[in-house]
Structure formats: structure tokens, C-alpha cells
Amino acid sequence: MQQVLDMSVVEELLSFSDDGDPELLLDLIQMFLDDGPSKVAAVQAGLANGDFDQAERAAHSLKGSSGNLGAQLLQNVCEEMQLATRQHRLEESRRLAEQLQQRFTEAEAALKQLLADYQS
């Protein structure tokens, strides 16, 4: 199984600080943890209501934030979701929504661990 987080992305974020201060990384992780669940919920709500535009917008937003933190597996599912919802493929979108939830849960756990590691 592939890694949940691409640590080279995390290391790149850490390199933006001259003194190795992980503040930027911690801020991005916290924003992801704060906003991510609502984005996942918006994808699911959009599909439940037949609002493909809502689902696509939420998947697009989640794709960006997950990519910024190196959560590539989640990013890939979000991209697939964008394509499926853009083309109004409901069954595929529902299948992808399950994967999206799973990948989000994995990324969330990995990022919480990373946050804890850098805060201690």
C-alpha cells in the first residue's frame, strides 16, 4: 500500500522556514483538519441532493488542500470525483464518495499524528 502522506511535500513545507520552525506546516495541517470534514460532507450532500456542482466544488477544494500537504491518495480520489461529478456520473460518484471518505480518514489520522509529533 502506498504511503498516506508524501513526506517530500512535508519536508518542502518545512524548508520554507529559515530556522526550521514548523509553524507554516502546523497551520496548514490545522486548516485541513478544521475544514476537511465539511468538504467531505459537502461532497456527500451534493450527491445526495443531485447537486453535482456542489460535489465538484467541494472535491476541488479538498483536492487542493490535500495536495498541499502531500496526501496524494486523497488528492487522486478527489480528482476522480471532480471528473465524475462534472460528467454527472452518479453511480461512479457514489462509489468514489466511499473511497474519498476512507482516504480522508487515513489522511486525517496521519496529519493528526504529524501535528502531535511537531507540537511535542
PDB file of N, CA and C in Angstrom:
ATOM      1  N   MET A   1       0.844  -1.200   0.000  1.00  0.00           N
ATOM      2  CA  MET A   1       0.000   0.000   0.000  1.00  0.00           C
ATOM      3  C   MET A   1       0.882   1.255   0.000  1.00  0.00           C
ATOM      4  N   GLN A   2       0.446   2.217  -0.761  1.00  0.00           N
ATOM      5  CA  GLN A   2       1.197   3.462  -0.824  1.00  0.00           C
ATOM      6  C   GLN A   2       1.093   4.213   0.497  1.00  0.00           C
ATOM      7  N   GLN A   3       2.082   5.061   0.730  1.00  0.00           N
ATOM      8  CA  GLN A   3       2.069   5.923   1.897  1.00  0.00           C
ATOM      9  C   GLN A   3       0.895   6.878   1.827  1.00  0.00           C
ATOM     10  N   VAL A   4       0.347   7.204   2.983  1.00  0.00           N
ATOM     11  CA  VAL A   4      -0.769   8.150   3.041  1.00  0.00           C
ATOM     12  C   VAL A   4      -0.275   9.559   2.733  1.00  0.00           C
ATOM     13  N   LEU A   5       0.905   9.908   3.265  1.00  0.00           N
ATOM     14  CA  LEU A   5       1.474  11.232   3.041  1.00  0.00           C
ATOM     15  C   LEU A   5       2.793  11.124   2.289  1.00  0.00           C
ATOM     16  N   ASP A   6       2.985  12.004   1.338  1.00  0.00           N
ATOM     17  CA  ASP A   6       4.263  12.122   0.651  1.00  0.00           C
ATOM     18  C   ASP A   6       5.128  13.050   1.505  1.00  0.00           C
ATOM     19  N   MET A   7       6.074  12.457   2.211  1.00  0.00           N
ATOM     20  CA  MET A   7       6.868  13.236   3.157  1.00  0.00           C
ATOM     21  C   MET A   7       7.776  14.247   2.469  1.00  0.00           C
ATOM     22  N   SER A   8       8.027  14.088   1.185  1.00  0.00           N
ATOM     23  CA  SER A   8       8.834  15.093   0.488  1.00  0.00           C
ATOM     24  C   SER A   8       8.078  16.419   0.415  1.00  0.00           C
ATOM     25  N   VAL A   9       6.765  16.366   0.342  1.00  0.00           N
ATOM     26  CA  VAL A   9       5.955  17.591   0.352  1.00  0.00           C
ATOM     27  C   VAL A   9       6.029  18.235   1.730  1.00  0.00           C
ATOM     28  N   VAL A  10       5.929  17.417   2.767  1.00  0.00           N
ATOM     29  CA  VAL A  10       6.030  17.920   4.139  1.00  0.00           C
ATOM     30  C   VAL A  10       7.396  18.566   4.357  1.00  0.00           C
ATOM     31  N   GLU A  11       8.449  17.903   3.900  1.00  0.00           N
ATOM     32  CA  GLU A  11       9.807  18.443   4.046  1.00  0.00           C
ATOM     33  C   GLU A  11       9.966  19.755   3.284  1.00  0.00           C
ATOM     34  N   GLU A  12       9.334  19.845   2.128  1.00  0.00           N
ATOM     35  CA  GLU A  12       9.401  21.093   1.363  1.00  0.00           C
ATOM     36  C   GLU A  12       8.728  22.230   2.123  1.00  0.00           C
ATOM     37  N   LEU A  13       7.592  21.950   2.748  1.00  0.00           N
ATOM     38  CA  LEU A  13       6.924  22.972   3.548  1.00  0.00           C
ATOM     39  C   LEU A  13       7.803  23.409   4.713  1.00  0.00           C
ATOM     40  N   LEU A  14       8.489  22.461   5.321  1.00  0.00           N
ATOM     41  CA  LEU A  14       9.389  22.799   6.427  1.00  0.00           C
ATOM     42  C   LEU A  14      10.572  23.632   5.946  1.00  0.00           C
ATOM     43  N   SER A  15      10.988  23.436   4.703  1.00  0.00           N
ATOM     44  CA  SER A  15      12.152  24.156   4.180  1.00  0.00           C
ATOM     45  C   SER A  15      11.860  25.642   3.947  1.00  0.00           C
ATOM     46  N   PHE A  16      10.601  26.030   3.930  1.00  0.00           N
ATOM     47  CA  PHE A  16      10.256  27.435   3.713  1.00  0.00           C
ATOM     48  C   PHE A  16      10.635  28.303   4.902  1.00  0.00           C
ATOM     49  N   SER A  17      10.881  27.697   6.043  1.00  0.00           N
ATOM     50  CA  SER A  17      11.262  28.431   7.242  1.00  0.00           C
ATOM     51  C   SER A  17      12.775  28.408   7.379  1.00  0.00           C
ATOM     52  N   ASP A  18      13.362  29.573   7.594  1.00  0.00           N
ATOM     53  CA  ASP A  18      14.817  29.665   7.719  1.00  0.00           C
ATOM     54  C   ASP A  18      15.343  28.924   8.941  1.00  0.00           C
ATOM     55  N   ASP A  19      14.577  28.934  10.011  1.00  0.00           N
ATOM     56  CA  ASP A  19      15.067  28.358  11.261  1.00  0.00           C
ATOM     57  C   ASP A  19      14.458  26.986  11.571  1.00  0.00           C
ATOM     58  N   GLY A  20      13.810  26.374  10.573  1.00  0.00           N
ATOM     59  CA  GLY A  20      13.229  25.045  10.788  1.00  0.00           C
ATOM     60  C   GLY A  20      11.946  25.067  11.596  1.00  0.00           C
ATOM     61  N   ASP A  21      11.390  26.258  11.797  1.00  0.00           N
ATOM     62  CA  ASP A  21      10.144  26.393  12.557  1.00  0.00           C
ATOM     63  C   ASP A  21       9.005  25.782  11.731  1.00  0.00           C
ATOM     64  N   PRO A  22       8.273  24.833  12.298  1.00  0.00           N
ATOM     65  CA  PRO A  22       7.217  24.157  11.538  1.00  0.00           C
ATOM     66  C   PRO A  22       5.877  24.907  11.532  1.00  0.00           C
ATOM     67  N   GLU A  23       5.874  26.198  11.856  1.00  0.00           N
ATOM     68  CA  GLU A  23       4.618  26.941  12.003  1.00  0.00           C
ATOM     69  C   GLU A  23       3.733  26.874  10.751  1.00  0.00           C
ATOM     70  N   LEU A  24       4.311  27.069   9.577  1.00  0.00           N
ATOM     71  CA  LEU A  24       3.523  27.010   8.336  1.00  0.00           C
ATOM     72  C   LEU A  24       2.885  25.641   8.175  1.00  0.00           C
ATOM     73  N   LEU A  25       3.683  24.606   8.362  1.00  0.00           N
ATOM     74  CA  LEU A  25       3.174  23.244   8.252  1.00  0.00           C
ATOM     75  C   LEU A  25       2.046  23.004   9.246  1.00  0.00           C
ATOM     76  N   LEU A  26       2.248  23.408  10.484  1.00  0.00           N
ATOM     77  CA  LEU A  26       1.228  23.191  11.520  1.00  0.00           C
ATOM     78  C   LEU A  26      -0.052  23.960  11.203  1.00  0.00           C
ATOM     79  N   ASP A  27       0.088  25.173  10.682  1.00  0.00           N
ATOM     80  CA  ASP A  27      -1.087  25.964  10.306  1.00  0.00           C
ATOM     81  C   ASP A  27      -1.868  25.288   9.178  1.00  0.00           C
ATOM     82  N   LEU A  28      -1.148  24.788   8.170  1.00  0.00           N
ATOM     83  CA  LEU A  28      -1.813  24.116   7.048  1.00  0.00           C
ATOM     84  C   LEU A  28      -2.512  22.835   7.504  1.00  0.00           C
ATOM     85  N   ILE A  29      -1.852  22.094   8.382  1.00  0.00           N
ATOM     86  CA  ILE A  29      -2.473  20.869   8.907  1.00  0.00           C
ATOM     87  C   ILE A  29      -3.732  21.214   9.678  1.00  0.00           C
ATOM     88  N   GLN A  30      -3.655  22.225  10.524  1.00  0.00           N
ATOM     89  CA  GLN A  30      -4.821  22.588  11.336  1.00  0.00           C
ATOM     90  C   GLN A  30      -5.982  23.058  10.457  1.00  0.00           C
ATOM     91  N   MET A  31      -5.680  23.828   9.412  1.00  0.00           N
ATOM     92  CA  MET A  31      -6.741  24.257   8.490  1.00  0.00           C
ATOM     93  C   MET A  31      -7.385  23.049   7.815  1.00  0.00           C
ATOM     94  N   PHE A  32      -6.556  22.095   7.401  1.00  0.00           N
ATOM     95  CA  PHE A  32      -7.075  20.878   6.775  1.00  0.00           C
ATOM     96  C   PHE A  32      -7.986  20.133   7.754  1.00  0.00           C
ATOM     97  N   LEU A  33      -7.535  19.979   8.990  1.00  0.00           N
ATOM     98  CA  LEU A  33      -8.324  19.255   9.990  1.00  0.00           C
ATOM     99  C   LEU A  33      -9.618  19.985  10.334  1.00  0.00           C
ATOM    100  N   ASP A  34      -9.579  21.320  10.304  1.00  0.00           N
ATOM    101  CA  ASP A  34     -10.775  22.113  10.607  1.00  0.00           C
ATOM    102  C   ASP A  34     -11.781  22.105   9.455  1.00  0.00           C
ATOM    103  N   ASP A  35     -11.279  22.219   8.222  1.00  0.00           N
ATOM    104  CA  ASP A  35     -12.151  22.391   7.059  1.00  0.00           C
ATOM    105  C   ASP A  35     -12.491  21.094   6.326  1.00  0.00           C
ATOM    106  N   GLY A  36     -11.608  20.111   6.429  1.00  0.00           N
ATOM    107  CA  GLY A  36     -11.769  18.882   5.668  1.00  0.00           C
ATOM    108  C   GLY A  36     -13.087  18.157   5.872  1.00  0.00           C
ATOM    109  N   PRO A  37     -13.509  17.956   7.126  1.00  0.00           N
ATOM    110  CA  PRO A  37     -14.773  17.231   7.327  1.00  0.00           C
ATOM    111  C   PRO A  37     -15.972  17.897   6.642  1.00  0.00           C
ATOM    112  N   SER A  38     -16.001  19.224   6.629  1.00  0.00           N
ATOM    113  CA  SER A  38     -17.127  19.907   5.969  1.00  0.00           C
ATOM    114  C   SER A  38     -17.060  19.746   4.453  1.00  0.00           C
ATOM    115  N   LYS A  39     -15.857  19.637   3.910  1.00  0.00           N
ATOM    116  CA  LYS A  39     -15.720  19.424   2.465  1.00  0.00           C
ATOM    117  C   LYS A  39     -16.189  18.021   2.084  1.00  0.00           C
ATOM    118  N   VAL A  40     -15.809  17.040   2.897  1.00  0.00           N
ATOM    119  CA  VAL A  40     -16.275  15.675   2.654  1.00  0.00           C
ATOM    120  C   VAL A  40     -17.798  15.625   2.755  1.00  0.00           C
ATOM    121  N   ALA A  41     -18.339  16.280   3.770  1.00  0.00           N
ATOM    122  CA  ALA A  41     -19.796  16.315   3.952  1.00  0.00           C
ATOM    123  C   ALA A  41     -20.480  17.015   2.776  1.00  0.00           C
ATOM    124  N   ALA A  42     -19.842  18.060   2.241  1.00  0.00           N
ATOM    125  CA  ALA A  42     -20.426  18.786   1.105  1.00  0.00           C
ATOM    126  C   ALA A  42     -20.458  17.911  -0.144  1.00  0.00           C
ATOM    127  N   VAL A  43     -19.431  17.088  -0.336  1.00  0.00           N
ATOM    128  CA  VAL A  43     -19.438  16.152  -1.464  1.00  0.00           C
ATOM    129  C   VAL A  43     -20.620  15.195  -1.308  1.00  0.00           C
ATOM    130  N   GLN A  44     -20.749  14.622  -0.129  1.00  0.00           N
ATOM    131  CA  GLN A  44     -21.818  13.659   0.122  1.00  0.00           C
ATOM    132  C   GLN A  44     -23.200  14.296   0.011  1.00  0.00           C
ATOM    133  N   ALA A  45     -23.338  15.502   0.538  1.00  0.00           N
ATOM    134  CA  ALA A  45     -24.628  16.195   0.457  1.00  0.00           C
ATOM    135  C   ALA A  45     -24.973  16.532  -0.992  1.00  0.00           C
ATOM    136  N   GLY A  46     -23.975  16.973  -1.737  1.00  0.00           N
ATOM    137  CA  GLY A  46     -24.213  17.284  -3.140  1.00  0.00           C
ATOM    138  C   GLY A  46     -24.714  16.070  -3.900  1.00  0.00           C
ATOM    139  N   LEU A  47     -24.093  14.922  -3.661  1.00  0.00           N
ATOM    140  CA  LEU A  47     -24.529  13.698  -4.340  1.00  0.00           C
ATOM    141  C   LEU A  47     -25.922  13.290  -3.890  1.00  0.00           C
ATOM    142  N   ALA A  48     -26.184  13.409  -2.598  1.00  0.00           N
ATOM    143  CA  ALA A  48     -27.496  13.024  -2.065  1.00  0.00           C
ATOM    144  C   ALA A  48     -28.602  13.902  -2.637  1.00  0.00           C
ATOM    145  N   ASN A  49     -28.283  15.173  -2.911  1.00  0.00           N
ATOM    146  CA  ASN A  49     -29.281  16.126  -3.414  1.00  0.00           C
ATOM    147  C   ASN A  49     -29.264  16.265  -4.927  1.00  0.00           C
ATOM    148  N   GLY A  50     -28.409  15.501  -5.591  1.00  0.00           N
ATOM    149  CA  GLY A  50     -28.308  15.610  -7.042  1.00  0.00           C
ATOM    150  C   GLY A  50     -27.638  16.889  -7.493  1.00  0.00           C
ATOM    151  N   ASP A  51     -26.901  17.523  -6.584  1.00  0.00           N
ATOM    152  CA  ASP A  51     -26.215  18.778  -6.895  1.00  0.00           C
ATOM    153  C   ASP A  51     -24.755  18.464  -7.239  1.00  0.00           C
ATOM    154  N   PHE A  52     -24.535  18.107  -8.498  1.00  0.00           N
ATOM    155  CA  PHE A  52     -23.198  17.730  -8.940  1.00  0.00           C
ATOM    156  C   PHE A  52     -22.219  18.890  -8.827  1.00  0.00           C
ATOM    157  N   ASP A  53     -22.704  20.127  -9.019  1.00  0.00           N
ATOM    158  CA  ASP A  53     -21.818  21.285  -8.920  1.00  0.00           C
ATOM    159  C   ASP A  53     -21.268  21.430  -7.505  1.00  0.00           C
ATOM    160  N   GLN A  54     -22.121  21.250  -6.510  1.00  0.00           N
ATOM    161  CA  GLN A  54     -21.677  21.339  -5.116  1.00  0.00           C
ATOM    162  C   GLN A  54     -20.631  20.259  -4.826  1.00  0.00           C
ATOM    163  N   ALA A  55     -20.901  19.047  -5.256  1.00  0.00           N
ATOM    164  CA  ALA A  55     -19.965  17.949  -5.029  1.00  0.00           C
ATOM    165  C   ALA A  55     -18.642  18.221  -5.736  1.00  0.00           C
ATOM    166  N   GLU A  56     -18.707  18.734  -6.941  1.00  0.00           N
ATOM    167  CA  GLU A  56     -17.475  19.019  -7.694  1.00  0.00           C
ATOM    168  C   GLU A  56     -16.663  20.121  -7.024  1.00  0.00           C
ATOM    169  N   ARG A  57     -17.325  21.188  -6.592  1.00  0.00           N
ATOM    170  CA  ARG A  57     -16.619  22.293  -5.924  1.00  0.00           C
ATOM    171  C   ARG A  57     -15.940  21.818  -4.640  1.00  0.00           C
ATOM    172  N   ALA A  58     -16.651  21.024  -3.855  1.00  0.00           N
ATOM    173  CA  ALA A  58     -16.082  20.530  -2.598  1.00  0.00           C
ATOM    174  C   ALA A  58     -14.907  19.594  -2.861  1.00  0.00           C
ATOM    175  N   ALA A  59     -15.037  18.731  -3.865  1.00  0.00           N
ATOM    176  CA  ALA A  59     -13.940  17.821  -4.218  1.00  0.00           C
ATOM    177  C   ALA A  59     -12.730  18.614  -4.706  1.00  0.00           C
ATOM    178  N   HIS A  60     -12.986  19.659  -5.480  1.00  0.00           N
ATOM    179  CA  HIS A  60     -11.896  20.501  -5.982  1.00  0.00           C
ATOM    180  C   HIS A  60     -11.148  21.164  -4.823  1.00  0.00           C
ATOM    181  N   SER A  61     -11.886  21.692  -3.885  1.00  0.00           N
ATOM    182  CA  SER A  61     -11.281  22.356  -2.735  1.00  0.00           C
ATOM    183  C   SER A  61     -10.467  21.372  -1.899  1.00  0.00           C
ATOM    184  N   LEU A  62     -11.032  20.209  -1.661  1.00  0.00           N
ATOM    185  CA  LEU A  62     -10.344  19.185  -0.878  1.00  0.00           C
ATOM    186  C   LEU A  62      -9.113  18.670  -1.626  1.00  0.00           C
ATOM    187  N   LYS A  63      -9.203  18.599  -2.947  1.00  0.00           N
ATOM    188  CA  LYS A  63      -8.059  18.171  -3.760  1.00  0.00           C
ATOM    189  C   LYS A  63      -6.884  19.126  -3.543  1.00  0.00           C
ATOM    190  N   GLY A  64      -7.166  20.405  -3.547  1.00  0.00           N
ATOM    191  CA  GLY A  64      -6.105  21.392  -3.352  1.00  0.00           C
ATOM    192  C   GLY A  64      -5.460  21.311  -1.983  1.00  0.00           C
ATOM    193  N   SER A  65      -6.274  21.255  -0.952  1.00  0.00           N
ATOM    194  CA  SER A  65      -5.715  21.233   0.398  1.00  0.00           C
ATOM    195  C   SER A  65      -4.983  19.926   0.681  1.00  0.00           C
ATOM    196  N   SER A  66      -5.475  18.829   0.148  1.00  0.00           N
ATOM    197  CA  SER A  66      -4.781  17.554   0.375  1.00  0.00           C
ATOM    198  C   SER A  66      -3.466  17.518  -0.405  1.00  0.00           C
ATOM    199  N   GLY A  67      -3.464  18.081  -1.599  1.00  0.00           N
ATOM    200  CA  GLY A  67      -2.231  18.135  -2.383  1.00  0.00           C
ATOM    201  C   GLY A  67      -1.170  19.003  -1.732  1.00  0.00           C
ATOM    202  N   ASN A  68      -1.596  20.102  -1.108  1.00  0.00           N
ATOM    203  CA  ASN A  68      -0.656  20.993  -0.431  1.00  0.00           C
ATOM    204  C   ASN A  68       0.080  20.295   0.706  1.00  0.00           C
ATOM    205  N   LEU A  69      -0.543  19.271   1.274  1.00  0.00           N
ATOM    206  CA  LEU A  69       0.049  18.566   2.412  1.00  0.00           C
ATOM    207  C   LEU A  69       0.617  17.201   2.034  1.00  0.00           C
ATOM    208  N   GLY A  70       0.565  16.863   0.766  1.00  0.00           N
ATOM    209  CA  GLY A  70       1.145  15.597   0.324  1.00  0.00           C
ATOM    210  C   GLY A  70       0.251  14.389   0.503  1.00  0.00           C
ATOM    211  N   ALA A  71      -1.036  14.609   0.728  1.00  0.00           N
ATOM    212  CA  ALA A  71      -1.979  13.489   0.863  1.00  0.00           C
ATOM    213  C   ALA A  71      -2.429  13.086  -0.542  1.00  0.00           C
ATOM    214  N   GLN A  72      -1.514  12.433  -1.261  1.00  0.00           N
ATOM    215  CA  GLN A  72      -1.725  12.173  -2.677  1.00  0.00           C
ATOM    216  C   GLN A  72      -2.845  11.180  -2.973  1.00  0.00           C
ATOM    217  N   LEU A  73      -3.025  10.193  -2.118  1.00  0.00           N
ATOM    218  CA  LEU A  73      -4.097   9.224  -2.364  1.00  0.00           C
ATOM    219  C   LEU A  73      -5.457   9.923  -2.296  1.00  0.00           C
ATOM    220  N   LEU A  74      -5.613  10.790  -1.316  1.00  0.00           N
ATOM    221  CA  LEU A  74      -6.848  11.572  -1.204  1.00  0.00           C
ATOM    222  C   LEU A  74      -6.971  12.531  -2.377  1.00  0.00           C
ATOM    223  N   GLN A  75      -5.893  13.171  -2.723  1.00  0.00           N
ATOM    224  CA  GLN A  75      -5.899  14.098  -3.849  1.00  0.00           C
ATOM    225  C   GLN A  75      -6.348  13.397  -5.133  1.00  0.00           C
ATOM    226  N   ASN A  76      -5.850  12.188  -5.356  1.00  0.00           N
ATOM    227  CA  ASN A  76      -6.212  11.441  -6.565  1.00  0.00           C
ATOM    228  C   ASN A  76      -7.697  11.095  -6.603  1.00  0.00           C
ATOM    229  N   VAL A  77      -8.251  10.681  -5.473  1.00  0.00           N
ATOM    230  CA  VAL A  77      -9.681  10.355  -5.425  1.00  0.00           C
ATOM    231  C   VAL A  77     -10.511  11.615  -5.660  1.00  0.00           C
ATOM    232  N   CYS A  78     -10.066  12.734  -5.103  1.00  0.00           N
ATOM    233  CA  CYS A  78     -10.782  13.998  -5.319  1.00  0.00           C
ATOM    234  C   CYS A  78     -10.787  14.378  -6.796  1.00  0.00           C
ATOM    235  N   GLU A  79      -9.676  14.150  -7.461  1.00  0.00           N
ATOM    236  CA  GLU A  79      -9.608  14.453  -8.891  1.00  0.00           C
ATOM    237  C   GLU A  79     -10.566  13.567  -9.684  1.00  0.00           C
ATOM    238  N   GLU A  80     -10.591  12.285  -9.344  1.00  0.00           N
ATOM    239  CA  GLU A  80     -11.539  11.377  -9.997  1.00  0.00           C
ATOM    240  C   GLU A  80     -12.979  11.809  -9.723  1.00  0.00           C
ATOM    241  N   MET A  81     -13.241  12.249  -8.502  1.00  0.00           N
ATOM    242  CA  MET A  81     -14.580  12.717  -8.135  1.00  0.00           C
ATOM    243  C   MET A  81     -14.958  13.944  -8.950  1.00  0.00           C
ATOM    244  N   GLN A  82     -14.028  14.851  -9.116  1.00  0.00           N
ATOM    245  CA  GLN A  82     -14.304  16.031  -9.928  1.00  0.00           C
ATOM    246  C   GLN A  82     -14.746  15.646 -11.333  1.00  0.00           C
ATOM    247  N   LEU A  83     -14.018  14.729 -11.939  1.00  0.00           N
ATOM    248  CA  LEU A  83     -14.340  14.310 -13.307  1.00  0.00           C
ATOM    249  C   LEU A  83     -15.701  13.623 -13.369  1.00  0.00           C
ATOM    250  N   ALA A  84     -15.951  12.745 -12.410  1.00  0.00           N
ATOM    251  CA  ALA A  84     -17.220  12.002 -12.408  1.00  0.00           C
ATOM    252  C   ALA A  84     -18.412  12.932 -12.191  1.00  0.00           C
ATOM    253  N   THR A  85     -18.266  13.877 -11.265  1.00  0.00           N
ATOM    254  CA  THR A  85     -19.390  14.787 -10.996  1.00  0.00           C
ATOM    255  C   THR A  85     -19.578  15.781 -12.141  1.00  0.00           C
ATOM    256  N   ARG A  86     -18.478  16.186 -12.750  1.00  0.00           N
ATOM    257  CA  ARG A  86     -18.577  17.108 -13.886  1.00  0.00           C
ATOM    258  C   ARG A  86     -19.369  16.479 -15.028  1.00  0.00           C
ATOM    259  N   GLN A  87     -19.237  15.148 -15.154  1.00  0.00           N
ATOM    260  CA  GLN A  87     -19.937  14.428 -16.216  1.00  0.00           C
ATOM    261  C   GLN A  87     -21.239  13.793 -15.723  1.00  0.00           C
ATOM    262  N   HIS A  88     -21.634  14.144 -14.498  1.00  0.00           N
ATOM    263  CA  HIS A  88     -22.903  13.688 -13.901  1.00  0.00           C
ATOM    264  C   HIS A  88     -23.040  12.170 -13.882  1.00  0.00           C
ATOM    265  N   ARG A  89     -21.951  11.492 -13.578  1.00  0.00           N
ATOM    266  CA  ARG A  89     -21.968  10.032 -13.469  1.00  0.00           C
ATOM    267  C   ARG A  89     -22.238   9.666 -12.003  1.00  0.00           C
ATOM    268  N   LEU A  90     -23.508   9.489 -11.688  1.00  0.00           N
ATOM    269  CA  LEU A  90     -23.934   9.335 -10.304  1.00  0.00           C
ATOM    270  C   LEU A  90     -23.387   8.081  -9.645  1.00  0.00           C
ATOM    271  N   GLU A  91     -23.506   6.933 -10.283  1.00  0.00           N
ATOM    272  CA  GLU A  91     -23.047   5.688  -9.653  1.00  0.00           C
ATOM    273  C   GLU A  91     -21.542   5.723  -9.394  1.00  0.00           C
ATOM    274  N   GLU A  92     -20.798   6.192 -10.367  1.00  0.00           N
ATOM    275  CA  GLU A  92     -19.349   6.308 -10.169  1.00  0.00           C
ATOM    276  C   GLU A  92     -19.041   7.304  -9.056  1.00  0.00           C
ATOM    277  N   SER A  93     -19.772   8.392  -9.017  1.00  0.00           N
ATOM    278  CA  SER A  93     -19.570   9.402  -7.978  1.00  0.00           C
ATOM    279  C   SER A  93     -19.858   8.834  -6.591  1.00  0.00           C
ATOM    280  N   ARG A  94     -20.896   8.034  -6.477  1.00  0.00           N
ATOM    281  CA  ARG A  94     -21.214   7.413  -5.185  1.00  0.00           C
ATOM    282  C   ARG A  94     -20.112   6.446  -4.754  1.00  0.00           C
ATOM    283  N   ARG A  95     -19.604   5.666  -5.691  1.00  0.00           N
ATOM    284  CA  ARG A  95     -18.510   4.742  -5.389  1.00  0.00           C
ATOM    285  C   ARG A  95     -17.279   5.530  -4.950  1.00  0.00           C
ATOM    286  N   LEU A  96     -16.982   6.598  -5.651  1.00  0.00           N
ATOM    287  CA  LEU A  96     -15.830   7.418  -5.312  1.00  0.00           C
ATOM    288  C   LEU A  96     -16.010   8.124  -3.968  1.00  0.00           C
ATOM    289  N   ALA A  97     -17.251   8.452  -3.625  1.00  0.00           N
ATOM    290  CA  ALA A  97     -17.510   9.108  -2.337  1.00  0.00           C
ATOM    291  C   ALA A  97     -17.108   8.205  -1.180  1.00  0.00           C
ATOM    292  N   GLU A  98     -17.319   6.903  -1.336  1.00  0.00           N
ATOM    293  CA  GLU A  98     -16.885   5.961  -0.297  1.00  0.00           C
ATOM    294  C   GLU A  98     -15.367   5.951  -0.196  1.00  0.00           C
ATOM    295  N   GLN A  99     -14.685   5.943  -1.333  1.00  0.00           N
ATOM    296  CA  GLN A  99     -13.223   5.975  -1.330  1.00  0.00           C
ATOM    297  C   GLN A  99     -12.710   7.284  -0.755  1.00  0.00           C
ATOM    298  N   LEU A 100     -13.391   8.365  -1.113  1.00  0.00           N
ATOM    299  CA  LEU A 100     -12.996   9.673  -0.625  1.00  0.00           C
ATOM    300  C   LEU A 100     -13.069   9.708   0.900  1.00  0.00           C
ATOM    301  N   GLN A 101     -14.139   9.177   1.459  1.00  0.00           N
ATOM    302  CA  GLN A 101     -14.287   9.145   2.918  1.00  0.00           C
ATOM    303  C   GLN A 101     -13.158   8.326   3.554  1.00  0.00           C
ATOM    304  N   GLN A 102     -12.848   7.192   2.971  1.00  0.00           N
ATOM    305  CA  GLN A 102     -11.782   6.331   3.504  1.00  0.00           C
ATOM    306  C   GLN A 102     -10.425   7.025   3.417  1.00  0.00           C
ATOM    307  N   ARG A 103     -10.124   7.588   2.274  1.00  0.00           N
ATOM    308  CA  ARG A 103      -8.836   8.267   2.090  1.00  0.00           C
ATOM    309  C   ARG A 103      -8.730   9.504   2.986  1.00  0.00           C
ATOM    310  N   PHE A 104      -9.856  10.194   3.179  1.00  0.00           N
ATOM    311  CA  PHE A 104      -9.836  11.350   4.075  1.00  0.00           C
ATOM    312  C   PHE A 104      -9.527  10.900   5.496  1.00  0.00           C
ATOM    313  N   THR A 105     -10.163   9.837   5.942  1.00  0.00           N
ATOM    314  CA  THR A 105      -9.941   9.324   7.297  1.00  0.00           C
ATOM    315  C   THR A 105      -8.467   8.948   7.493  1.00  0.00           C
ATOM    316  N   GLU A 106      -7.880   8.317   6.489  1.00  0.00           N
ATOM    317  CA  GLU A 106      -6.464   7.948   6.560  1.00  0.00           C
ATOM    318  C   GLU A 106      -5.570   9.188   6.625  1.00  0.00           C
ATOM    319  N   ALA A 107      -5.848  10.165   5.762  1.00  0.00           N
ATOM    320  CA  ALA A 107      -5.049  11.388   5.737  1.00  0.00           C
ATOM    321  C   ALA A 107      -5.216  12.164   7.041  1.00  0.00           C
ATOM    322  N   GLU A 108      -6.425  12.223   7.529  1.00  0.00           N
ATOM    323  CA  GLU A 108      -6.704  12.930   8.784  1.00  0.00           C
ATOM    324  C   GLU A 108      -5.897  12.315   9.930  1.00  0.00           C
ATOM    325  N   ALA A 109      -5.886  10.998  10.025  1.00  0.00           N
ATOM    326  CA  ALA A 109      -5.139  10.322  11.091  1.00  0.00           C
ATOM    327  C   ALA A 109      -3.638  10.588  10.960  1.00  0.00           C
ATOM    328  N   ALA A 110      -3.114  10.506   9.740  1.00  0.00           N
ATOM    329  CA  ALA A 110      -1.685  10.738   9.522  1.00  0.00           C
ATOM    330  C   ALA A 110      -1.306  12.180   9.858  1.00  0.00           C
ATOM    331  N   LEU A 111      -2.159  13.116   9.488  1.00  0.00           N
ATOM    332  CA  LEU A 111      -1.870  14.524   9.759  1.00  0.00           C
ATOM    333  C   LEU A 111      -2.007  14.852  11.240  1.00  0.00           C
ATOM    334  N   LYS A 112      -2.948  14.220  11.911  1.00  0.00           N
ATOM    335  CA  LYS A 112      -3.052  14.412  13.367  1.00  0.00           C
ATOM    336  C   LYS A 112      -1.792  13.905  14.058  1.00  0.00           C
ATOM    337  N   GLN A 113      -1.268  12.784  13.585  1.00  0.00           N
ATOM    338  CA  GLN A 113      -0.039  12.244  14.162  1.00  0.00           C
ATOM    339  C   GLN A 113       1.132  13.182  13.896  1.00  0.00           C
ATOM    340  N   LEU A 114       1.211  13.702  12.679  1.00  0.00           N
ATOM    341  CA  LEU A 114       2.279  14.632  12.335  1.00  0.00           C
ATOM    342  C   LEU A 114       2.180  15.898  13.183  1.00  0.00           C
ATOM    343  N   LEU A 115       0.985  16.394  13.357  1.00  0.00           N
ATOM    344  CA  LEU A 115       0.752  17.569  14.199  1.00  0.00           C
ATOM    345  C   LEU A 115       1.232  17.306  15.619  1.00  0.00           C
ATOM    346  N   ALA A 116       0.879  16.166  16.173  1.00  0.00           N
ATOM    347  CA  ALA A 116       1.285  15.800  17.523  1.00  0.00           C
ATOM    348  C   ALA A 116       2.807  15.680  17.612  1.00  0.00           C
ATOM    349  N   ASP A 117       3.414  15.097  16.585  1.00  0.00           N
ATOM    350  CA  ASP A 117       4.868  14.922  16.580  1.00  0.00           C
ATOM    351  C   ASP A 117       5.596  16.272  16.611  1.00  0.00           C
ATOM    352  N   TYR A 118       5.107  17.241  15.866  1.00  0.00           N
ATOM    353  CA  TYR A 118       5.780  18.543  15.796  1.00  0.00           C
ATOM    354  C   TYR A 118       5.415  19.467  16.955  1.00  0.00           C
ATOM    355  N   GLN A 119       4.318  19.189  17.627  1.00  0.00           N
ATOM    356  CA  GLN A 119       3.928  20.030  18.759  1.00  0.00           C
ATOM    357  C   GLN A 119       4.553  19.563  20.058  1.00  0.00           C
ATOM    358  N   SER A 120       5.110  18.350  20.075  1.00  0.00           N
ATOM    359  CA  SER A 120       5.676  17.863  21.322  1.00  0.00           C
ATOM    360  C   SER A 120       7.147  18.160  21.446  1.00  0.00           C
TER     361      SER A 120
END
